[in-house]
Amino acid sequence: MSSTEPDALLGPADIRDLAAKLGVRPTKQRGQNFVIDANTVRRIVRTAEVRPDDVVVEVGPGLGSLTLALLEAADRVVAVEIDDTLAAALPATVQARMPQRADRFALVHSDAMLVTELPGPAPTALVANLPYNVAVPVLLTMLERFPSIERTLVMVQAEVADRLAARPGNKVYGVPSVKANWYAEVKRAGSIGRNVFWPAPNVDSGLVSLVRRTEPLATKATRAEVFAVVDAAFAQRRKTLRAALSGWAGSAPAAEAALTAAGISPQARGESLTVEEFAAIAEHKPEVSE
């Protein structure tokens, strides 16, 4: 921890004052819930194992609670904010509360789903309180576009956290679990109560840690090819893979042939397969004859 003044972080009164000055009401449409507890943001930064040499990208910084805690610990912070009012206000908040670190902060005023490059050095970590309604697509997009991100810690709805971290055979294991696992080793990293947010959401939140694979998955199939199998397998998750993959393969017999070639039972279901097994199926996609 650096010697930043303890009151540099935002408390409940600070958050409400800032919001009132800006005329900001958290919107359900954007899934906004602002963290109002300094201990919680410091805990997130600790759990994320943010290092003094890290370049951290934060998505959805809101009023800046987590941003300030990240600036205490990291070398640089790049925040991506879609909201016009919040994006306009954040640099001033950083300057006012942490002037000695303000030159280490950059703001990108954009939708995270559209961001293809970030200013300054490549990011090494992603730490974010992700808006509930877009958490999974934003997370997967950032991991795909910024391969330099080695470590990720996101706060998401508890149910989404469970899905991301689920293992094969678990009833909530599905598309997000497999796709996140393509990039990283994923695990639950804690729970966050409702009372640290304003407004308090009607769901609990969870922390998910993702540590990028040091070696990409060993497969000849591309990410897009593997993800196509995953999407097909879970689109009809109650069906056997022979049936679920019939559209992907061209027919049920073709799906069975691909599964058999990959060493997977045609009677298995998607929820029992690892990402490596999905990759093996993708490698055996039948050639479609003209």
Protein backbone atom coordinates (compact mmCIF):
# COMPACT_ATOMS: atom_id res chain seq x y z
CA MET A 1 0.00 0.00 0.00
CA SER A 2 1.35 3.43 -0.88
CA SER A 3 1.29 6.36 1.48
CA THR A 4 -1.82 7.82 -0.12
CA GLU A 5 -3.98 9.79 2.31
CA PRO A 6 -6.65 7.45 3.74
CA ASP A 7 -9.41 9.92 2.79
CA ALA A 8 -8.43 9.82 -0.90
CA LEU A 9 -10.94 7.01 -1.42
CA LEU A 10 -14.66 7.68 -1.75
CA GLY A 11 -17.02 6.95 1.12
CA PRO A 12 -20.85 6.83 1.08
CA ALA A 13 -21.26 10.59 1.64
CA ASP A 14 -18.68 11.40 -1.07
CA ILE A 15 -20.48 9.17 -3.58
CA ARG A 16 -23.87 10.71 -2.88
CA ASP A 17 -22.44 14.26 -3.02
CA LEU A 18 -20.71 13.57 -6.33
CA ALA A 19 -23.84 11.99 -7.78
CA ALA A 20 -26.00 14.91 -6.64
CA LYS A 21 -23.57 17.47 -8.14
CA LEU A 22 -23.60 15.60 -11.44
CA GLY A 23 -27.34 14.94 -11.38
CA VAL A 24 -26.57 11.22 -11.68
CA ARG A 25 -29.09 8.55 -10.77
CA PRO A 26 -27.75 5.01 -11.20
CA THR A 27 -29.70 3.44 -14.05
CA LYS A 28 -31.05 -0.09 -14.22
CA GLN A 29 -30.67 0.03 -18.00
CA ARG A 30 -26.88 0.19 -17.62
CA GLY A 31 -26.82 -2.12 -14.62
CA GLN A 32 -25.20 0.62 -12.51
CA ASN A 33 -24.60 0.02 -8.81
CA PHE A 34 -21.89 2.21 -7.31
CA VAL A 35 -19.60 0.80 -4.60
CA ILE A 36 -19.71 3.10 -1.57
CA ASP A 37 -17.35 1.24 0.75
CA ALA A 38 -13.60 1.97 0.72
CA ASN A 39 -12.76 -1.31 2.48
CA THR A 40 -14.49 -3.26 -0.29
CA VAL A 41 -12.56 -1.60 -3.12
CA ARG A 42 -9.28 -2.11 -1.26
CA ARG A 43 -10.22 -5.76 -0.79
CA ILE A 44 -10.89 -6.08 -4.53
CA VAL A 45 -7.47 -4.58 -5.33
CA ARG A 46 -5.78 -6.96 -2.85
CA THR A 47 -7.66 -9.98 -4.21
CA ALA A 48 -6.68 -8.93 -7.76
CA GLU A 49 -3.03 -8.96 -6.60
CA VAL A 50 -2.43 -5.64 -8.35
CA ARG A 51 1.31 -4.94 -8.48
CA PRO A 52 3.19 -1.62 -8.58
CA ASP A 53 4.22 -2.28 -12.20
CA ASP A 54 0.71 -3.21 -13.43
CA VAL A 55 -1.18 -1.35 -16.13
CA VAL A 56 -4.78 -1.96 -15.12
CA VAL A 57 -7.79 -1.52 -17.38
CA GLU A 58 -11.07 -0.88 -15.58
CA VAL A 59 -14.43 -1.14 -17.34
CA GLY A 60 -17.36 0.88 -15.99
CA PRO A 61 -15.56 3.00 -13.37
CA GLY A 62 -18.72 4.92 -12.50
CA LEU A 63 -17.93 7.66 -9.99
CA GLY A 64 -14.41 6.33 -9.40
CA SER A 65 -14.48 4.31 -6.15
CA LEU A 66 -12.46 1.39 -7.50
CA THR A 67 -10.43 3.64 -9.84
CA LEU A 68 -8.87 5.49 -6.90
CA ALA A 69 -8.04 2.26 -5.06
CA LEU A 70 -6.42 0.88 -8.24
CA LEU A 71 -4.38 4.07 -8.66
CA GLU A 72 -3.00 3.59 -5.15
CA ALA A 73 -1.62 0.19 -6.09
CA ALA A 74 -0.89 0.08 -9.85
CA ASP A 75 1.53 1.90 -12.15
CA ARG A 76 -1.25 3.10 -14.48
CA VAL A 77 -5.02 2.84 -14.72
CA VAL A 78 -7.03 3.14 -17.94
CA ALA A 79 -10.77 3.44 -17.33
CA VAL A 80 -13.36 2.72 -20.05
CA GLU A 81 -16.67 4.50 -19.40
CA ILE A 82 -19.69 4.67 -21.73
CA ASP A 83 -21.76 7.17 -19.72
CA ASP A 84 -21.22 10.77 -20.93
CA THR A 85 -21.68 12.43 -17.54
CA LEU A 86 -19.55 9.93 -15.62
CA ALA A 87 -16.79 9.98 -18.24
CA ALA A 88 -16.66 13.78 -18.15
CA ALA A 89 -16.43 13.89 -14.33
CA LEU A 90 -13.93 11.13 -13.58
CA PRO A 91 -10.64 12.90 -14.50
CA ALA A 92 -11.58 15.80 -12.19
CA THR A 93 -12.34 13.38 -9.34
CA VAL A 94 -8.94 11.72 -9.78
CA GLN A 95 -7.20 15.11 -9.92
CA ALA A 96 -8.98 16.35 -6.80
CA ARG A 97 -8.51 13.27 -4.65
CA MET A 98 -5.20 11.88 -5.86
CA PRO A 99 -3.31 14.72 -7.60
CA GLN A 100 0.06 12.98 -7.24
CA ARG A 101 -1.22 10.03 -9.31
CA ALA A 102 -3.37 11.91 -11.84
CA ASP A 103 -0.75 11.65 -14.58
CA ARG A 104 -1.00 7.86 -14.29
CA PHE A 105 -4.69 7.84 -15.16
CA ALA A 106 -6.28 7.76 -18.62
CA LEU A 107 -9.94 7.76 -19.59
CA VAL A 108 -11.45 6.13 -22.68
CA HIS A 109 -14.99 7.42 -23.27
CA SER A 110 -16.50 4.51 -25.14
CA ASP A 111 -18.55 1.34 -25.03
CA ALA A 112 -16.13 -1.40 -23.89
CA MET A 113 -17.54 -3.69 -26.57
CA LEU A 114 -16.25 -1.28 -29.24
CA VAL A 115 -12.79 -0.57 -27.81
CA THR A 116 -10.03 -2.06 -29.96
CA GLU A 117 -7.04 -0.17 -28.55
CA LEU A 118 -6.09 1.55 -25.32
CA PRO A 119 -3.75 4.50 -24.74
CA GLY A 120 -0.29 3.95 -23.27
CA PRO A 121 1.46 0.67 -22.47
CA ALA A 122 -0.40 -2.62 -23.00
CA PRO A 123 -2.66 -3.57 -20.07
CA THR A 124 -1.44 -6.37 -17.78
CA ALA A 125 -4.57 -6.68 -15.63
CA LEU A 126 -8.31 -6.14 -15.88
CA VAL A 127 -10.12 -5.23 -12.66
CA ALA A 128 -13.75 -4.14 -12.85
CA ASN A 129 -17.14 -4.00 -11.21
CA LEU A 130 -18.93 -5.06 -14.39
CA PRO A 131 -22.48 -3.92 -15.11
CA TYR A 132 -24.65 -6.97 -14.52
CA ASN A 133 -26.40 -6.98 -17.89
CA VAL A 134 -23.24 -7.05 -20.05
CA ALA A 135 -20.71 -8.73 -17.76
CA VAL A 136 -20.01 -11.88 -19.78
CA PRO A 137 -19.73 -10.34 -23.28
CA VAL A 138 -17.55 -7.49 -21.96
CA LEU A 139 -15.25 -9.90 -20.11
CA LEU A 140 -14.82 -12.26 -23.09
CA THR A 141 -14.32 -9.36 -25.52
CA MET A 142 -11.60 -7.77 -23.39
CA LEU A 143 -9.76 -11.09 -23.00
CA GLU A 144 -9.90 -11.67 -26.74
CA ARG A 145 -8.81 -8.16 -27.79
CA PHE A 146 -6.09 -7.59 -25.21
CA PRO A 147 -3.94 -10.73 -24.96
CA SER A 148 -1.47 -8.84 -22.75
CA ILE A 149 -4.00 -9.02 -19.87
CA GLU A 150 -2.54 -11.74 -17.65
CA ARG A 151 -4.77 -11.42 -14.59
CA THR A 152 -8.41 -10.46 -14.31
CA LEU A 153 -10.64 -9.92 -11.31
CA VAL A 154 -14.24 -8.98 -11.97
CA MET A 155 -17.15 -8.35 -9.65
CA VAL A 156 -20.36 -9.68 -11.18
CA GLN A 157 -23.75 -10.93 -10.08
CA ALA A 158 -23.25 -14.02 -7.87
CA GLU A 159 -25.14 -16.21 -10.33
CA VAL A 160 -22.88 -15.06 -13.19
CA ALA A 161 -19.80 -15.65 -11.01
CA ASP A 162 -20.99 -19.22 -10.39
CA ARG A 163 -21.53 -19.79 -14.10
CA LEU A 164 -18.13 -18.43 -15.10
CA ALA A 165 -16.29 -20.54 -12.53
CA ALA A 166 -18.37 -23.74 -12.96
CA ARG A 167 -16.66 -27.02 -13.82
CA PRO A 168 -17.94 -29.70 -16.24
CA GLY A 169 -20.81 -31.66 -14.71
CA ASN A 170 -22.07 -28.72 -12.65
CA LYS A 171 -25.66 -27.78 -13.48
CA VAL A 172 -24.72 -24.12 -14.12
CA TYR A 173 -21.77 -25.05 -16.37
CA GLY A 174 -22.44 -23.61 -19.81
CA VAL A 175 -21.27 -21.28 -22.58
CA PRO A 176 -19.67 -18.63 -20.28
CA SER A 177 -17.81 -21.33 -18.32
CA VAL A 178 -16.28 -22.95 -21.41
CA LYS A 179 -15.42 -19.71 -23.22
CA ALA A 180 -13.80 -18.15 -20.15
CA ASN A 181 -11.81 -21.36 -19.73
CA TRP A 182 -10.53 -21.05 -23.30
CA TYR A 183 -8.56 -18.01 -22.15
CA ALA A 184 -7.86 -18.60 -18.50
CA GLU A 185 -7.95 -20.62 -15.34
CA VAL A 186 -11.14 -19.40 -13.67
CA LYS A 187 -12.17 -19.52 -10.03
CA ARG A 188 -14.52 -17.87 -7.55
CA ALA A 189 -12.53 -15.42 -5.42
CA GLY A 190 -15.06 -14.29 -2.83
CA SER A 191 -18.51 -12.83 -2.26
CA ILE A 192 -19.63 -9.22 -1.88
CA GLY A 193 -22.69 -8.23 0.14
CA ARG A 194 -25.44 -5.94 -1.11
CA ASN A 195 -24.92 -3.19 1.47
CA VAL A 196 -21.65 -1.91 -0.07
CA PHE A 197 -23.53 -0.65 -3.14
CA TRP A 198 -25.72 2.34 -3.86
CA PRO A 199 -28.39 1.59 -4.73
CA ALA A 200 -28.30 -1.79 -3.00
CA PRO A 201 -29.00 -4.41 -5.71
CA ASN A 202 -31.52 -7.17 -5.06
CA VAL A 203 -28.89 -9.82 -5.83
CA ASP A 204 -25.58 -10.78 -4.25
CA SER A 205 -22.29 -10.23 -6.06
CA GLY A 206 -19.26 -12.44 -6.47
CA LEU A 207 -15.62 -11.99 -7.41
CA VAL A 208 -14.17 -14.10 -10.21
CA SER A 209 -10.45 -14.48 -10.80
CA LEU A 210 -9.13 -15.37 -14.27
CA VAL A 211 -5.44 -16.10 -14.78
CA ARG A 212 -4.61 -16.30 -18.47
CA ARG A 213 -3.19 -19.58 -19.73
CA THR A 214 0.57 -19.24 -20.18
CA GLU A 215 0.30 -21.48 -23.25
CA PRO A 216 -2.76 -21.24 -25.49
CA LEU A 217 -4.91 -24.35 -25.67
CA ALA A 218 -3.15 -27.00 -27.77
CA THR A 219 -5.50 -27.34 -30.73
CA LYS A 220 -5.43 -26.92 -34.49
CA ALA A 221 -8.95 -25.45 -34.36
CA THR A 222 -9.39 -21.68 -34.17
CA ARG A 223 -11.17 -19.94 -31.29
CA ALA A 224 -14.12 -19.19 -33.58
CA GLU A 225 -14.37 -22.86 -34.63
CA VAL A 226 -14.30 -24.08 -31.02
CA PHE A 227 -16.83 -21.45 -29.88
CA ALA A 228 -19.19 -22.51 -32.70
CA VAL A 229 -19.24 -26.05 -31.26
CA VAL A 230 -19.80 -24.69 -27.74
CA ASP A 231 -22.70 -22.49 -28.87
CA ALA A 232 -24.32 -25.39 -30.75
CA ALA A 233 -23.88 -27.84 -27.86
CA PHE A 234 -25.56 -25.56 -25.32
CA ALA A 235 -28.28 -24.13 -27.59
CA GLN A 236 -30.16 -27.37 -26.87
CA ARG A 237 -28.44 -28.46 -23.70
CA ARG A 238 -30.90 -31.22 -22.84
CA LYS A 239 -30.16 -33.04 -26.08
CA THR A 240 -27.33 -35.48 -26.63
CA LEU A 241 -24.39 -34.05 -28.54
CA ARG A 242 -25.30 -36.24 -31.52
CA ALA A 243 -28.59 -34.33 -31.78
CA ALA A 244 -27.39 -30.92 -30.58
CA LEU A 245 -24.50 -30.81 -33.05
CA SER A 246 -26.44 -32.10 -36.05
CA GLY A 247 -26.94 -28.58 -37.44
CA TRP A 248 -23.28 -27.71 -36.88
CA ALA A 249 -22.06 -30.93 -38.56
CA GLY A 250 -24.68 -31.03 -41.33
CA SER A 251 -26.56 -34.08 -40.03
CA ALA A 252 -26.85 -36.28 -36.96
CA PRO A 253 -24.71 -39.07 -38.49
CA ALA A 254 -22.02 -36.50 -39.38
CA ALA A 255 -22.12 -35.19 -35.80
CA GLU A 256 -21.77 -38.75 -34.51
CA ALA A 257 -18.76 -39.34 -36.77
CA ALA A 258 -17.06 -36.13 -35.55
CA LEU A 259 -17.72 -37.02 -31.91
CA THR A 260 -16.44 -40.57 -32.33
CA ALA A 261 -13.31 -39.30 -34.09
CA ALA A 262 -12.75 -36.90 -31.16
CA GLY A 263 -13.10 -39.76 -28.68
CA ILE A 264 -16.36 -38.47 -27.20
CA SER A 265 -19.58 -40.43 -26.74
CA PRO A 266 -22.32 -39.22 -29.10
CA GLN A 267 -24.70 -39.73 -26.15
CA ALA A 268 -22.82 -37.26 -23.93
CA ARG A 269 -24.18 -33.78 -23.25
CA GLY A 270 -22.38 -30.46 -23.54
CA GLU A 271 -22.35 -29.87 -19.79
CA SER A 272 -20.00 -32.82 -19.25
CA LEU A 273 -17.26 -31.65 -21.65
CA THR A 274 -14.07 -29.68 -20.98
CA VAL A 275 -12.93 -26.90 -23.29
CA GLU A 276 -10.21 -29.28 -24.55
CA GLU A 277 -12.89 -31.78 -25.58
CA PHE A 278 -14.86 -29.09 -27.41
CA ALA A 279 -11.63 -28.20 -29.25
CA ALA A 280 -11.15 -31.86 -30.21
CA ILE A 281 -14.67 -31.95 -31.70
CA ALA A 282 -13.98 -28.73 -33.63
CA GLU A 283 -10.87 -30.33 -35.13
CA HIS A 284 -13.02 -33.12 -36.55
CA LYS A 285 -15.72 -31.02 -38.17
CA PRO A 286 -16.81 -32.86 -41.31
CA GLU A 287 -15.92 -31.34 -44.66
CA VAL A 288 -19.09 -30.13 -46.29
CA SER A 289 -19.20 -31.36 -49.87
CA GLU A 290 -20.50 -28.91 -52.46
